[in-house]
Amino acid sequence: MEKVADKSRYKPRVIDAAVKKYLSAFGAVCIEGPKWCGKTWTSSFHSNSEFLIGDPSNNFQNRSLAEISPSIVLEGATPRLIDE
């Protein structure tokens, strides 16, 4: 599933500078925090493609696809958001 958020609606956050810095230095960045604090929205803003494992559309087919062929999760433009 390729779905990148509408970046024009994004409100800048304090964490943005750190995410940008770490993405330029490392191959991956893990963003952790409580539910509904903006992790996915921030990650989506900094990504060029997405794989949403917990997407309920089509009966959670992304989860099944990831289990069958994990390499598919990594296919897409980088930086790539992989979200549970």
PDB file of N, CA and C in Angstrom:
ATOM      1  N   MET A   1       0.845  -1.174   0.000  1.00  0.00           N
ATOM      2  CA  MET A   1       0.000   0.000   0.000  1.00  0.00           C
ATOM      3  C   MET A   1       0.888   1.234   0.000  1.00  0.00           C
ATOM      4  N   GLU A   2       0.781   2.039  -1.013  1.00  0.00           N
ATOM      5  CA  GLU A   2       1.543   3.289  -1.092  1.00  0.00           C
ATOM      6  C   GLU A   2       0.599   4.443  -0.815  1.00  0.00           C
ATOM      7  N   LYS A   3       0.745   5.046   0.345  1.00  0.00           N
ATOM      8  CA  LYS A   3      -0.111   6.173   0.695  1.00  0.00           C
ATOM      9  C   LYS A   3       0.713   7.120   1.561  1.00  0.00           C
ATOM     10  N   VAL A   4       1.093   8.229   1.004  1.00  0.00           N
ATOM     11  CA  VAL A   4       1.843   9.223   1.760  1.00  0.00           C
ATOM     12  C   VAL A   4       0.886  10.350   2.125  1.00  0.00           C
ATOM     13  N   ALA A   5       0.950  10.773   3.368  1.00  0.00           N
ATOM     14  CA  ALA A   5       0.028  11.790   3.883  1.00  0.00           C
ATOM     15  C   ALA A   5       0.162  13.110   3.127  1.00  0.00           C
ATOM     16  N   ASP A   6      -0.888  13.919   3.167  1.00  0.00           N
ATOM     17  CA  ASP A   6      -0.884  15.255   2.581  1.00  0.00           C
ATOM     18  C   ASP A   6       0.027  16.141   3.433  1.00  0.00           C
ATOM     19  N   LYS A   7       1.245  16.305   2.980  1.00  0.00           N
ATOM     20  CA  LYS A   7       2.250  17.019   3.767  1.00  0.00           C
ATOM     21  C   LYS A   7       1.951  18.507   3.921  1.00  0.00           C
ATOM     22  N   SER A   8       1.066  19.056   3.111  1.00  0.00           N
ATOM     23  CA  SER A   8       0.734  20.482   3.228  1.00  0.00           C
ATOM     24  C   SER A   8      -0.052  20.770   4.517  1.00  0.00           C
ATOM     25  N   ARG A   9      -0.669  19.743   5.105  1.00  0.00           N
ATOM     26  CA  ARG A   9      -1.450  19.918   6.331  1.00  0.00           C
ATOM     27  C   ARG A   9      -0.628  19.678   7.600  1.00  0.00           C
ATOM     28  N   TYR A  10       0.630  19.349   7.448  1.00  0.00           N
ATOM     29  CA  TYR A  10       1.483  19.011   8.589  1.00  0.00           C
ATOM     30  C   TYR A  10       1.855  20.253   9.387  1.00  0.00           C
ATOM     31  N   LYS A  11       1.741  20.159  10.693  1.00  0.00           N
ATOM     32  CA  LYS A  11       2.161  21.235  11.605  1.00  0.00           C
ATOM     33  C   LYS A  11       3.533  20.859  12.161  1.00  0.00           C
ATOM     34  N   PRO A  12       4.546  21.706  11.988  1.00  0.00           N
ATOM     35  CA  PRO A  12       5.897  21.382  12.475  1.00  0.00           C
ATOM     36  C   PRO A  12       5.911  21.070  13.967  1.00  0.00           C
ATOM     37  N   ARG A  13       6.798  20.128  14.315  1.00  0.00           N
ATOM     38  CA  ARG A  13       6.943  19.690  15.694  1.00  0.00           C
ATOM     39  C   ARG A  13       8.396  19.840  16.136  1.00  0.00           C
ATOM     40  N   VAL A  14       8.621  19.869  17.430  1.00  0.00           N
ATOM     41  CA  VAL A  14       9.962  20.009  17.990  1.00  0.00           C
ATOM     42  C   VAL A  14      10.862  18.856  17.524  1.00  0.00           C
ATOM     43  N   ILE A  15      10.316  17.661  17.392  1.00  0.00           N
ATOM     44  CA  ILE A  15      11.086  16.465  17.048  1.00  0.00           C
ATOM     45  C   ILE A  15      11.574  16.454  15.594  1.00  0.00           C
ATOM     46  N   ASP A  16      11.011  17.293  14.732  1.00  0.00           N
ATOM     47  CA  ASP A  16      11.336  17.261  13.307  1.00  0.00           C
ATOM     48  C   ASP A  16      12.831  17.411  13.019  1.00  0.00           C
ATOM     49  N   ALA A  17      13.499  18.316  13.700  1.00  0.00           N
ATOM     50  CA  ALA A  17      14.931  18.526  13.446  1.00  0.00           C
ATOM     51  C   ALA A  17      15.731  17.272  13.779  1.00  0.00           C
ATOM     52  N   ALA A  18      15.374  16.598  14.870  1.00  0.00           N
ATOM     53  CA  ALA A  18      16.083  15.373  15.257  1.00  0.00           C
ATOM     54  C   ALA A  18      15.830  14.260  14.240  1.00  0.00           C
ATOM     55  N   VAL A  19      14.589  14.099  13.800  1.00  0.00           N
ATOM     56  CA  VAL A  19      14.272  13.067  12.813  1.00  0.00           C
ATOM     57  C   VAL A  19      15.063  13.323  11.528  1.00  0.00           C
ATOM     58  N   LYS A  20      15.071  14.544  11.064  1.00  0.00           N
ATOM     59  CA  LYS A  20      15.809  14.892   9.845  1.00  0.00           C
ATOM     60  C   LYS A  20      17.308  14.598  10.016  1.00  0.00           C
ATOM     61  N   LYS A  21      17.862  14.973  11.139  1.00  0.00           N
ATOM     62  CA  LYS A  21      19.288  14.749  11.416  1.00  0.00           C
ATOM     63  C   LYS A  21      19.606  13.253  11.415  1.00  0.00           C
ATOM     64  N   TYR A  22      18.806  12.465  12.132  1.00  0.00           N
ATOM     65  CA  TYR A  22      19.074  11.037  12.228  1.00  0.00           C
ATOM     66  C   TYR A  22      18.844  10.309  10.906  1.00  0.00           C
ATOM     67  N   LEU A  23      17.858  10.733  10.132  1.00  0.00           N
ATOM     68  CA  LEU A  23      17.641  10.119   8.823  1.00  0.00           C
ATOM     69  C   LEU A  23      18.815  10.361   7.886  1.00  0.00           C
ATOM     70  N   SER A  24      19.476  11.496   8.041  1.00  0.00           N
ATOM     71  CA  SER A  24      20.627  11.772   7.179  1.00  0.00           C
ATOM     72  C   SER A  24      21.865  10.974   7.599  1.00  0.00           C
ATOM     73  N   ALA A  25      21.879  10.463   8.830  1.00  0.00           N
ATOM     74  CA  ALA A  25      23.043   9.742   9.336  1.00  0.00           C
ATOM     75  C   ALA A  25      22.858   8.220   9.376  1.00  0.00           C
ATOM     76  N   PHE A  26      21.634   7.759   9.548  1.00  0.00           N
ATOM     77  CA  PHE A  26      21.378   6.334   9.730  1.00  0.00           C
ATOM     78  C   PHE A  26      20.387   5.821   8.691  1.00  0.00           C
ATOM     79  N   GLY A  27      20.331   4.518   8.539  1.00  0.00           N
ATOM     80  CA  GLY A  27      19.414   3.913   7.582  1.00  0.00           C
ATOM     81  C   GLY A  27      17.993   3.803   8.086  1.00  0.00           C
ATOM     82  N   ALA A  28      17.794   3.990   9.385  1.00  0.00           N
ATOM     83  CA  ALA A  28      16.451   3.867   9.961  1.00  0.00           C
ATOM     84  C   ALA A  28      16.347   4.689  11.238  1.00  0.00           C
ATOM     85  N   VAL A  29      15.136   5.105  11.540  1.00  0.00           N
ATOM     86  CA  VAL A  29      14.849   5.832  12.775  1.00  0.00           C
ATOM     87  C   VAL A  29      13.608   5.182  13.383  1.00  0.00           C
ATOM     88  N   CYS A  30      13.676   4.870  14.669  1.00  0.00           N
ATOM     89  CA  CYS A  30      12.534   4.310  15.384  1.00  0.00           C
ATOM     90  C   CYS A  30      11.921   5.411  16.240  1.00  0.00           C
ATOM     91  N   ILE A  31      10.650   5.683  16.008  1.00  0.00           N
ATOM     92  CA  ILE A  31       9.947   6.701  16.788  1.00  0.00           C
ATOM     93  C   ILE A  31       8.951   5.980  17.683  1.00  0.00           C
ATOM     94  N   GLU A  32       9.128   6.143  18.998  1.00  0.00           N
ATOM     95  CA  GLU A  32       8.276   5.476  19.976  1.00  0.00           C
ATOM     96  C   GLU A  32       7.571   6.500  20.855  1.00  0.00           C
ATOM     97  N   GLY A  33       6.421   6.121  21.367  1.00  0.00           N
ATOM     98  CA  GLY A  33       5.690   6.994  22.263  1.00  0.00           C
ATOM     99  C   GLY A  33       4.301   6.453  22.512  1.00  0.00           C
ATOM    100  N   PRO A  34       3.508   7.154  23.333  1.00  0.00           N
ATOM    101  CA  PRO A  34       2.151   6.693  23.640  1.00  0.00           C
ATOM    102  C   PRO A  34       1.229   6.819  22.422  1.00  0.00           C
ATOM    103  N   LYS A  35       0.110   6.130  22.504  1.00  0.00           N
ATOM    104  CA  LYS A  35      -0.883   6.218  21.421  1.00  0.00           C
ATOM    105  C   LYS A  35      -1.357   7.655  21.240  1.00  0.00           C
ATOM    106  N   TRP A  36      -1.635   7.997  20.004  1.00  0.00           N
ATOM    107  CA  TRP A  36      -2.234   9.272  19.634  1.00  0.00           C
ATOM    108  C   TRP A  36      -1.379  10.497  19.957  1.00  0.00           C
ATOM    109  N   CYS A  37      -0.046  10.338  19.915  1.00  0.00           N
ATOM    110  CA  CYS A  37       0.811  11.497  20.193  1.00  0.00           C
ATOM    111  C   CYS A  37       1.416  12.083  18.912  1.00  0.00           C
ATOM    112  N   GLY A  38       1.135  11.473  17.752  1.00  0.00           N
ATOM    113  CA  GLY A  38       1.612  12.019  16.487  1.00  0.00           C
ATOM    114  C   GLY A  38       2.776  11.273  15.858  1.00  0.00           C
ATOM    115  N   LYS A  39       3.087  10.075  16.327  1.00  0.00           N
ATOM    116  CA  LYS A  39       4.217   9.303  15.788  1.00  0.00           C
ATOM    117  C   LYS A  39       4.037   9.007  14.302  1.00  0.00           C
ATOM    118  N   THR A  40       2.881   8.492  13.932  1.00  0.00           N
ATOM    119  CA  THR A  40       2.648   8.125  12.533  1.00  0.00           C
ATOM    120  C   THR A  40       2.616   9.361  11.648  1.00  0.00           C
ATOM    121  N   TRP A  41       1.977  10.409  12.080  1.00  0.00           N
ATOM    122  CA  TRP A  41       1.866  11.641  11.299  1.00  0.00           C
ATOM    123  C   TRP A  41       3.251  12.248  11.075  1.00  0.00           C
ATOM    124  N   THR A  42       4.075  12.308  12.130  1.00  0.00           N
ATOM    125  CA  THR A  42       5.440  12.831  12.001  1.00  0.00           C
ATOM    126  C   THR A  42       6.261  11.938  11.085  1.00  0.00           C
ATOM    127  N   SER A  43       6.166  10.635  11.277  1.00  0.00           N
ATOM    128  CA  SER A  43       6.914   9.690  10.447  1.00  0.00           C
ATOM    129  C   SER A  43       6.494   9.792   8.990  1.00  0.00           C
ATOM    130  N   SER A  44       5.206   9.927   8.765  1.00  0.00           N
ATOM    131  CA  SER A  44       4.691  10.045   7.405  1.00  0.00           C
ATOM    132  C   SER A  44       5.210  11.305   6.725  1.00  0.00           C
ATOM    133  N   PHE A  45       5.306  12.390   7.479  1.00  0.00           N
ATOM    134  CA  PHE A  45       5.816  13.649   6.926  1.00  0.00           C
ATOM    135  C   PHE A  45       7.250  13.483   6.420  1.00  0.00           C
ATOM    136  N   HIS A  46       8.040  12.707   7.123  1.00  0.00           N
ATOM    137  CA  HIS A  46       9.454  12.535   6.773  1.00  0.00           C
ATOM    138  C   HIS A  46       9.692  11.376   5.804  1.00  0.00           C
ATOM    139  N   SER A  47       8.657  10.679   5.385  1.00  0.00           N
ATOM    140  CA  SER A  47       8.837   9.517   4.511  1.00  0.00           C
ATOM    141  C   SER A  47       8.406   9.811   3.077  1.00  0.00           C
ATOM    142  N   ASN A  48       8.906   8.970   2.176  1.00  0.00           N
ATOM    143  CA  ASN A  48       8.521   9.055   0.766  1.00  0.00           C
ATOM    144  C   ASN A  48       7.624   7.905   0.344  1.00  0.00           C
ATOM    145  N   SER A  49       7.470   6.908   1.210  1.00  0.00           N
ATOM    146  CA  SER A  49       6.545   5.806   0.959  1.00  0.00           C
ATOM    147  C   SER A  49       6.182   5.194   2.302  1.00  0.00           C
ATOM    148  N   GLU A  50       5.102   4.419   2.307  1.00  0.00           N
ATOM    149  CA  GLU A  50       4.584   3.862   3.559  1.00  0.00           C
ATOM    150  C   GLU A  50       4.130   2.423   3.371  1.00  0.00           C
ATOM    151  N   PHE A  51       4.286   1.647   4.420  1.00  0.00           N
ATOM    152  CA  PHE A  51       3.682   0.317   4.514  1.00  0.00           C
ATOM    153  C   PHE A  51       3.017   0.265   5.879  1.00  0.00           C
ATOM    154  N   LEU A  52       1.693   0.244   5.887  1.00  0.00           N
ATOM    155  CA  LEU A  52       0.925   0.282   7.133  1.00  0.00           C
ATOM    156  C   LEU A  52       0.450  -1.129   7.464  1.00  0.00           C
ATOM    157  N   ILE A  53       1.171  -1.800   8.346  1.00  0.00           N
ATOM    158  CA  ILE A  53       0.884  -3.196   8.669  1.00  0.00           C
ATOM    159  C   ILE A  53      -0.503  -3.345   9.285  1.00  0.00           C
ATOM    160  N   GLY A  54      -0.906  -2.429  10.129  1.00  0.00           N
ATOM    161  CA  GLY A  54      -2.190  -2.525  10.819  1.00  0.00           C
ATOM    162  C   GLY A  54      -3.357  -1.899  10.083  1.00  0.00           C
ATOM    163  N   ASP A  55      -3.204  -1.622   8.796  1.00  0.00           N
ATOM    164  CA  ASP A  55      -4.283  -1.016   8.020  1.00  0.00           C
ATOM    165  C   ASP A  55      -5.464  -1.988   7.939  1.00  0.00           C
ATOM    166  N   PRO A  56      -6.657  -1.590   8.423  1.00  0.00           N
ATOM    167  CA  PRO A  56      -7.794  -2.514   8.448  1.00  0.00           C
ATOM    168  C   PRO A  56      -8.448  -2.751   7.078  1.00  0.00           C
ATOM    169  N   SER A  57      -8.065  -1.954   6.066  1.00  0.00           N
ATOM    170  CA  SER A  57      -8.698  -2.155   4.758  1.00  0.00           C
ATOM    171  C   SER A  57      -8.356  -3.546   4.215  1.00  0.00           C
ATOM    172  N   ASN A  58      -9.289  -4.109   3.499  1.00  0.00           N
ATOM    173  CA  ASN A  58      -9.136  -5.444   2.907  1.00  0.00           C
ATOM    174  C   ASN A  58      -8.792  -6.501   3.955  1.00  0.00           C
ATOM    175  N   ASN A  59      -9.433  -6.409   5.099  1.00  0.00           N
ATOM    176  CA  ASN A  59      -9.288  -7.417   6.151  1.00  0.00           C
ATOM    177  C   ASN A  59      -7.832  -7.593   6.603  1.00  0.00           C
ATOM    178  N   PHE A  60      -7.145  -6.480   6.813  1.00  0.00           N
ATOM    179  CA  PHE A  60      -5.765  -6.480   7.304  1.00  0.00           C
ATOM    180  C   PHE A  60      -4.825  -7.263   6.373  1.00  0.00           C
ATOM    181  N   GLN A  61      -5.006  -7.119   5.066  1.00  0.00           N
ATOM    182  CA  GLN A  61      -4.179  -7.871   4.127  1.00  0.00           C
ATOM    183  C   GLN A  61      -2.705  -7.501   4.213  1.00  0.00           C
ATOM    184  N   ASN A  62      -2.357  -6.284   4.611  1.00  0.00           N
ATOM    185  CA  ASN A  62      -0.938  -5.914   4.726  1.00  0.00           C
ATOM    186  C   ASN A  62      -0.231  -6.761   5.775  1.00  0.00           C
ATOM    187  N   ARG A  63      -0.911  -7.050   6.870  1.00  0.00           N
ATOM    188  CA  ARG A  63      -0.322  -7.897   7.913  1.00  0.00           C
ATOM    189  C   ARG A  63      -0.039  -9.290   7.356  1.00  0.00           C
ATOM    190  N   SER A  64      -0.997  -9.851   6.649  1.00  0.00           N
ATOM    191  CA  SER A  64      -0.814 -11.178   6.058  1.00  0.00           C
ATOM    192  C   SER A  64       0.305 -11.157   5.024  1.00  0.00           C
ATOM    193  N   LEU A  65       0.339 -10.118   4.214  1.00  0.00           N
ATOM    194  CA  LEU A  65       1.379  -9.977   3.195  1.00  0.00           C
ATOM    195  C   LEU A  65       2.764  -9.902   3.834  1.00  0.00           C
ATOM    196  N   ALA A  66       2.896  -9.161   4.925  1.00  0.00           N
ATOM    197  CA  ALA A  66       4.178  -9.035   5.621  1.00  0.00           C
ATOM    198  C   ALA A  66       4.626 -10.376   6.197  1.00  0.00           C
ATOM    199  N   GLU A  67       3.676 -11.189   6.669  1.00  0.00           N
ATOM    200  CA  GLU A  67       4.013 -12.501   7.203  1.00  0.00           C
ATOM    201  C   GLU A  67       4.450 -13.460   6.100  1.00  0.00           C
ATOM    202  N   ILE A  68       3.795 -13.387   4.953  1.00  0.00           N
ATOM    203  CA  ILE A  68       4.111 -14.275   3.830  1.00  0.00           C
ATOM    204  C   ILE A  68       5.431 -13.896   3.170  1.00  0.00           C
ATOM    205  N   SER A  69       5.635 -12.605   2.965  1.00  0.00           N
ATOM    206  CA  SER A  69       6.830 -12.138   2.259  1.00  0.00           C
ATOM    207  C   SER A  69       7.358 -10.861   2.912  1.00  0.00           C
ATOM    208  N   PRO A  70       8.153 -10.976   3.976  1.00  0.00           N
ATOM    209  CA  PRO A  70       8.645  -9.801   4.697  1.00  0.00           C
ATOM    210  C   PRO A  70       9.421  -8.806   3.823  1.00  0.00           C
ATOM    211  N   SER A  71      10.052  -9.254   2.766  1.00  0.00           N
ATOM    212  CA  SER A  71      10.828  -8.340   1.913  1.00  0.00           C
ATOM    213  C   SER A  71       9.945  -7.299   1.231  1.00  0.00           C
ATOM    214  N   ILE A  72       8.675  -7.602   1.049  1.00  0.00           N
ATOM    215  CA  ILE A  72       7.750  -6.653   0.420  1.00  0.00           C
ATOM    216  C   ILE A  72       7.606  -5.394   1.278  1.00  0.00           C
ATOM    217  N   VAL A  73       7.727  -5.547   2.581  1.00  0.00           N
ATOM    218  CA  VAL A  73       7.600  -4.412   3.493  1.00  0.00           C
ATOM    219  C   VAL A  73       8.650  -3.344   3.172  1.00  0.00           C
ATOM    220  N   LEU A  74       9.817  -3.763   2.702  1.00  0.00           N
ATOM    221  CA  LEU A  74      10.919  -2.832   2.447  1.00  0.00           C
ATOM    222  C   LEU A  74      10.901  -2.225   1.048  1.00  0.00           C
ATOM    223  N   GLU A  75      10.041  -2.729   0.166  1.00  0.00           N
ATOM    224  CA  GLU A  75       9.992  -2.206  -1.204  1.00  0.00           C
ATOM    225  C   GLU A  75       9.274  -0.858  -1.236  1.00  0.00           C
ATOM    226  N   GLY A  76       9.946   0.133  -1.793  1.00  0.00           N
ATOM    227  CA  GLY A  76       9.338   1.457  -1.904  1.00  0.00           C
ATOM    228  C   GLY A  76      10.392   2.528  -1.755  1.00  0.00           C
ATOM    229  N   ALA A  77      10.000   3.745  -2.070  1.00  0.00           N
ATOM    230  CA  ALA A  77      10.918   4.875  -1.995  1.00  0.00           C
ATOM    231  C   ALA A  77      11.352   5.113  -0.544  1.00  0.00           C
ATOM    232  N   THR A  78      12.593   5.521  -0.391  1.00  0.00           N
ATOM    233  CA  THR A  78      13.115   5.797   0.947  1.00  0.00           C
ATOM    234  C   THR A  78      13.181   7.300   1.182  1.00  0.00           C
ATOM    235  N   PRO A  79      13.110   7.731   2.421  1.00  0.00           N
ATOM    236  CA  PRO A  79      12.841   6.938   3.614  1.00  0.00           C
ATOM    237  C   PRO A  79      11.435   6.340   3.565  1.00  0.00           C
ATOM    238  N   ARG A  80      11.316   5.128   4.107  1.00  0.00           N
ATOM    239  CA  ARG A  80      10.058   4.371   4.061  1.00  0.00           C
ATOM    240  C   ARG A  80       9.487   4.238   5.463  1.00  0.00           C
ATOM    241  N   LEU A  81       8.245   4.584   5.619  1.00  0.00           N
ATOM    242  CA  LEU A  81       7.541   4.415   6.898  1.00  0.00           C
ATOM    243  C   LEU A  81       6.982   3.007   6.965  1.00  0.00           C
ATOM    244  N   ILE A  82       7.354   2.281   8.010  1.00  0.00           N
ATOM    245  CA  ILE A  82       6.755   0.984   8.305  1.00  0.00           C
ATOM    246  C   ILE A  82       6.058   1.164   9.641  1.00  0.00           C
ATOM    247  N   ASP A  83       4.746   1.145   9.597  1.00  0.00           N
ATOM    248  CA  ASP A  83       3.953   1.460  10.789  1.00  0.00           C
ATOM    249  C   ASP A  83       3.073   0.285  11.161  1.00  0.00           C
ATOM    250  N   GLU A  84       3.016   0.006  12.458  1.00  0.00           N
ATOM    251  CA  GLU A  84       2.185  -1.115  12.915  1.00  0.00           C
ATOM    252  C   GLU A  84       0.736  -0.768  12.774  1.00  0.00           C
TER     253      GLU A  84
END
